[in-house]
Amino acid sequence: MSFYSTLYNTIFKRNSVFVGTVFASAFLFQATFDEAVTAWYENRNKGKLWKDVKVQLAAGGDAGGDADDDE
């Protein structure tokens, strides 16, 4: 019971502290979730993103080629 009474007295007893804890937790969750999803998305689409394509174009054009290149 000691854990629950300490938790109640530090977070849930005053509404202002509880609301502040909710906002801080939501902010930290959002930042962590955003970083995780961005890392997953960039890993999943490696080679297709502008930061990857820009390097290929600067190195000498596209690697795939077009039908217009035959002329």
Protein backbone atom coordinates (compact mmCIF):
# COMPACT_ATOMS: atom_id res chain seq x y z
CA MET A 1 0.00 0.00 0.00
CA SER A 2 2.94 2.31 0.47
CA PHE A 3 3.47 2.63 -3.28
CA TYR A 4 -0.17 3.54 -3.89
CA SER A 5 -0.31 6.08 -1.10
CA THR A 6 2.90 7.70 -2.35
CA LEU A 7 1.53 7.76 -5.90
CA TYR A 8 -1.72 9.29 -4.70
CA ASN A 9 0.00 11.92 -2.58
CA THR A 10 2.44 12.98 -5.31
CA ILE A 11 0.28 12.90 -8.45
CA PHE A 12 -3.43 12.40 -7.90
CA LYS A 13 -4.10 14.44 -4.76
CA ARG A 14 -3.97 17.86 -6.42
CA ASN A 15 -5.70 18.41 -9.73
CA SER A 16 -3.07 20.87 -11.00
CA VAL A 17 -0.27 18.34 -10.51
CA PHE A 18 -2.35 15.60 -12.13
CA VAL A 19 -3.13 17.73 -15.19
CA GLY A 20 0.51 18.77 -15.47
CA THR A 21 1.57 15.12 -15.30
CA VAL A 22 -0.91 14.22 -18.04
CA PHE A 23 0.35 17.01 -20.30
CA ALA A 24 4.01 16.18 -19.69
CA SER A 25 3.39 12.49 -20.31
CA ALA A 26 1.49 13.24 -23.52
CA PHE A 27 4.29 15.50 -24.74
CA LEU A 28 6.97 12.89 -24.06
CA PHE A 29 4.88 10.14 -25.66
CA GLN A 30 4.29 12.26 -28.76
CA ALA A 31 7.97 13.04 -29.18
CA THR A 32 9.01 9.41 -28.71
CA PHE A 33 6.28 8.08 -30.99
CA ASP A 34 7.12 10.63 -33.70
CA GLU A 35 10.81 9.68 -33.67
CA ALA A 36 10.00 5.96 -33.77
CA VAL A 37 7.56 6.27 -36.67
CA THR A 38 9.93 8.53 -38.63
CA ALA A 39 12.79 6.07 -38.17
CA TRP A 40 10.57 3.17 -39.25
CA TYR A 41 9.27 5.09 -42.31
CA GLU A 42 12.74 6.15 -43.46
CA ASN A 43 14.07 2.61 -43.00
CA ARG A 44 11.11 1.14 -44.91
CA ASN A 45 11.47 3.62 -47.82
CA LYS A 46 15.26 3.76 -48.05
CA GLY A 47 16.34 4.75 -51.56
CA LYS A 48 12.99 6.33 -52.43
CA LEU A 49 13.14 9.43 -50.27
CA TRP A 50 14.33 12.81 -51.55
CA LYS A 51 17.44 12.78 -49.38
CA ASP A 52 18.52 9.52 -51.07
CA VAL A 53 17.45 10.50 -54.60
CA LYS A 54 19.18 13.89 -54.36
CA VAL A 55 22.53 12.16 -53.83
CA GLN A 56 21.95 9.91 -56.86
CA LEU A 57 20.98 12.84 -59.07
CA ALA A 58 23.99 14.87 -57.98
CA ALA A 59 26.26 11.91 -58.75
CA GLY A 60 25.24 11.80 -62.38
CA GLY A 61 21.59 11.26 -63.08
CA ASP A 62 19.06 8.62 -62.37
CA ALA A 63 20.03 4.97 -62.18
CA GLY A 64 16.81 3.65 -63.74
CA GLY A 65 16.96 5.38 -67.10
CA ASP A 66 14.10 6.64 -69.25
CA ALA A 67 12.77 5.85 -72.70
CA ASP A 68 13.93 9.33 -73.75
CA ASP A 69 17.58 8.41 -73.12
CA ASP A 70 17.72 6.35 -76.33
CA GLU A 71 17.59 9.40 -78.60
